[in-house]
C-alpha atoms as a PDB file:
ATOM      1  CA  MET A   1      -1.316   7.816  15.682  1.00  0.00           C
ATOM      2  CA  ASN A   2       0.028   7.081  12.201  1.00  0.00           C
ATOM      3  CA  ARG A   3       2.998   8.793  10.587  1.00  0.00           C
ATOM      4  CA  LEU A   4       0.961  11.344   8.615  1.00  0.00           C
ATOM      5  CA  GLU A   5      -0.931  12.341  11.741  1.00  0.00           C
ATOM      6  CA  ARG A   6       2.382  12.843  13.567  1.00  0.00           C
ATOM      7  CA  ILE A   7       3.730  14.946  10.691  1.00  0.00           C
ATOM      8  CA  PHE A   8       0.573  17.082  10.802  1.00  0.00           C
ATOM      9  CA  LYS A   9       0.666  17.475  14.578  1.00  0.00           C
ATOM     10  CA  GLN A  10       4.363  18.444  14.600  1.00  0.00           C
ATOM     11  CA  SER A  11       4.080  20.877  11.679  1.00  0.00           C
ATOM     12  CA  GLN A  12       4.226  24.613  12.249  1.00  0.00           C
ATOM     13  CA  GLY A  13       2.176  25.362   9.128  1.00  0.00           C
ATOM     14  CA  GLU A  14       1.403  24.320   5.573  1.00  0.00           C
ATOM     15  CA  VAL A  15       4.975  24.554   4.282  1.00  0.00           C
ATOM     16  CA  ASP A  16       6.337  22.587   7.228  1.00  0.00           C
ATOM     17  CA  TYR A  17       3.690  19.896   6.683  1.00  0.00           C
ATOM     18  CA  LEU A  18       4.492  19.746   2.966  1.00  0.00           C
ATOM     19  CA  LYS A  19       8.186  19.255   3.737  1.00  0.00           C
ATOM     20  CA  GLY A  20       7.406  16.421   6.163  1.00  0.00           C
ATOM     21  CA  TYR A  21       4.946  14.837   3.751  1.00  0.00           C
ATOM     22  CA  THR A  22       7.493  15.023   0.917  1.00  0.00           C
ATOM     23  CA  LEU A  23      10.108  13.285   3.077  1.00  0.00           C
ATOM     24  CA  TYR A  24       7.530  10.627   3.910  1.00  0.00           C
ATOM     25  CA  LEU A  25       6.733  10.023   0.219  1.00  0.00           C
ATOM     26  CA  ASN A  26      10.432   9.919  -0.620  1.00  0.00           C
ATOM     27  CA  ASP A  27      10.937   7.233   2.036  1.00  0.00           C
ATOM     28  CA  LEU A  28       8.059   5.186   0.597  1.00  0.00           C
ATOM     29  CA  LEU A  29       9.431   5.436  -2.936  1.00  0.00           C
ATOM     30  CA  LYS A  30      12.939   4.426  -1.825  1.00  0.00           C
ATOM     31  CA  HIS A  31      11.525   1.119  -0.592  1.00  0.00           C
ATOM     32  CA  LEU A  32       9.246   0.430  -3.556  1.00  0.00           C
ATOM     33  CA  ASP A  33       9.802  -2.933  -5.222  1.00  0.00           C
ATOM     34  CA  PHE A  34       9.612  -1.950  -8.896  1.00  0.00           C
ATOM     35  CA  ASN A  35       9.612  -5.571 -10.058  1.00  0.00           C
ATOM     36  CA  ALA A  36       6.564  -6.260  -7.897  1.00  0.00           C
ATOM     37  CA  VAL A  37       4.817  -3.193  -9.343  1.00  0.00           C
ATOM     38  CA  ARG A  38       5.568  -4.450 -12.855  1.00  0.00           C
ATOM     39  CA  ASP A  39       4.169  -7.882 -11.972  1.00  0.00           C
ATOM     40  CA  VAL A  40       0.981  -6.426 -10.518  1.00  0.00           C
ATOM     41  CA  ILE A  41       0.501  -4.245 -13.604  1.00  0.00           C
ATOM     42  CA  ASN A  42       0.942  -7.330 -15.791  1.00  0.00           C
ATOM     43  CA  CYS A  43      -1.622  -9.146 -13.655  1.00  0.00           C
ATOM     44  CA  PHE A  44      -4.105  -6.310 -14.279  1.00  0.00           C
ATOM     45  CA  LEU A  45      -3.328  -6.254 -18.006  1.00  0.00           C
ATOM     46  CA  ASP A  46      -3.762 -10.034 -18.271  1.00  0.00           C
ATOM     47  CA  ALA A  47      -7.102  -9.804 -16.466  1.00  0.00           C
ATOM     48  CA  ARG A  48      -8.279  -7.069 -18.835  1.00  0.00           C
ATOM     49  CA  LYS A  49      -7.054  -8.971 -21.908  1.00  0.00           C
ATOM     50  CA  ASN A  50      -8.879 -12.130 -20.784  1.00  0.00           C
ATOM     51  CA  LYS A  51     -11.997 -10.211 -19.651  1.00  0.00           C
ATOM     52  CA  LYS A  52     -11.491 -11.289 -16.034  1.00  0.00           C
ATOM     53  CA  THR A  53     -12.220  -9.421 -12.825  1.00  0.00           C
ATOM     54  CA  ILE A  54      -9.880  -8.859  -9.891  1.00  0.00           C
ATOM     55  CA  PHE A  55     -11.537  -8.264  -6.523  1.00  0.00           C
ATOM     56  CA  PHE A  56      -9.844  -6.603  -3.551  1.00  0.00           C
ATOM     57  CA  ALA A  57     -11.359  -6.769  -0.109  1.00  0.00           C
ATOM     58  CA  GLY A  58     -10.120  -5.734   3.272  1.00  0.00           C
ATOM     59  CA  LYS A  59     -11.090  -4.886   6.790  1.00  0.00           C
ATOM     60  CA  THR A  60      -9.832  -2.562   9.451  1.00  0.00           C
ATOM     61  CA  GLU A  61      -9.552  -3.597  13.067  1.00  0.00           C
ATOM     62  CA  GLY A  62      -9.228  -0.302  14.872  1.00  0.00           C
ATOM     63  CA  ALA A  63      -7.883   2.979  13.610  1.00  0.00           C
ATOM     64  CA  GLN A  64      -4.232   1.957  13.781  1.00  0.00           C
ATOM     65  CA  GLN A  65      -4.208  -1.603  12.489  1.00  0.00           C
ATOM     66  CA  GLN A  66      -5.130  -2.655   8.961  1.00  0.00           C
ATOM     67  CA  HIS A  67      -4.997  -6.163   7.563  1.00  0.00           C
ATOM     68  CA  PRO A  68      -5.410  -6.146   3.790  1.00  0.00           C
ATOM     69  CA  ILE A  69      -6.752  -9.268   2.161  1.00  0.00           C
ATOM     70  CA  LEU A  70      -5.108  -9.856  -1.195  1.00  0.00           C
ATOM     71  CA  PRO A  71      -6.077 -12.244  -3.969  1.00  0.00           C
ATOM     72  CA  LYS A  72      -3.982 -15.384  -4.185  1.00  0.00           C
ATOM     73  CA  THR A  73      -2.408 -14.179  -7.456  1.00  0.00           C
ATOM     74  CA  LEU A  74      -0.755 -11.297  -5.569  1.00  0.00           C
ATOM     75  CA  GLN A  75       0.402 -13.218  -2.475  1.00  0.00           C
ATOM     76  CA  ARG A  76       3.898 -13.777  -3.823  1.00  0.00           C
ATOM     77  CA  TYR A  77       4.444 -10.008  -4.110  1.00  0.00           C
ATOM     78  CA  VAL A  78       3.699  -9.257  -0.469  1.00  0.00           C
ATOM     79  CA  LYS A  79       7.024  -8.942   1.315  1.00  0.00           C
ATOM     80  CA  LYS A  80       6.174  -6.654   4.229  1.00  0.00           C
ATOM     81  CA  PRO A  81       5.865  -8.255   7.665  1.00  0.00           C
ATOM     82  CA  GLY A  82       2.484  -7.636   9.197  1.00  0.00           C
ATOM     83  CA  VAL A  83       0.554  -7.902   5.922  1.00  0.00           C
ATOM     84  CA  TYR A  84      -1.814 -10.809   6.031  1.00  0.00           C
ATOM     85  CA  VAL A  85      -3.130 -12.652   3.019  1.00  0.00           C
ATOM     86  CA  SER A  86      -6.396 -14.544   3.059  1.00  0.00           C
ATOM     87  CA  GLU A  87      -6.666 -18.178   2.160  1.00  0.00           C
ATOM     88  CA  PRO A  88      -9.686 -19.195   0.059  1.00  0.00           C
END
């Protein structure tokens, strides 16, 4: 069961769920690497400027475990353990 499912299951109603969800989002934003976001945005802008295409692909192995596959240009921005990057 993922965190959002736990929040939903433990909630006593809509307001309770919204409070839990807001705390969850706040936690995500506290750990956001703003420099990495800037670099990814620049990667997208460069691709658009040069009329290039960026492809994202991924697979899910079971409901709980996801292994995103990121393009090589984004590998250096992945800092979370457990995120796997494909090799061409």
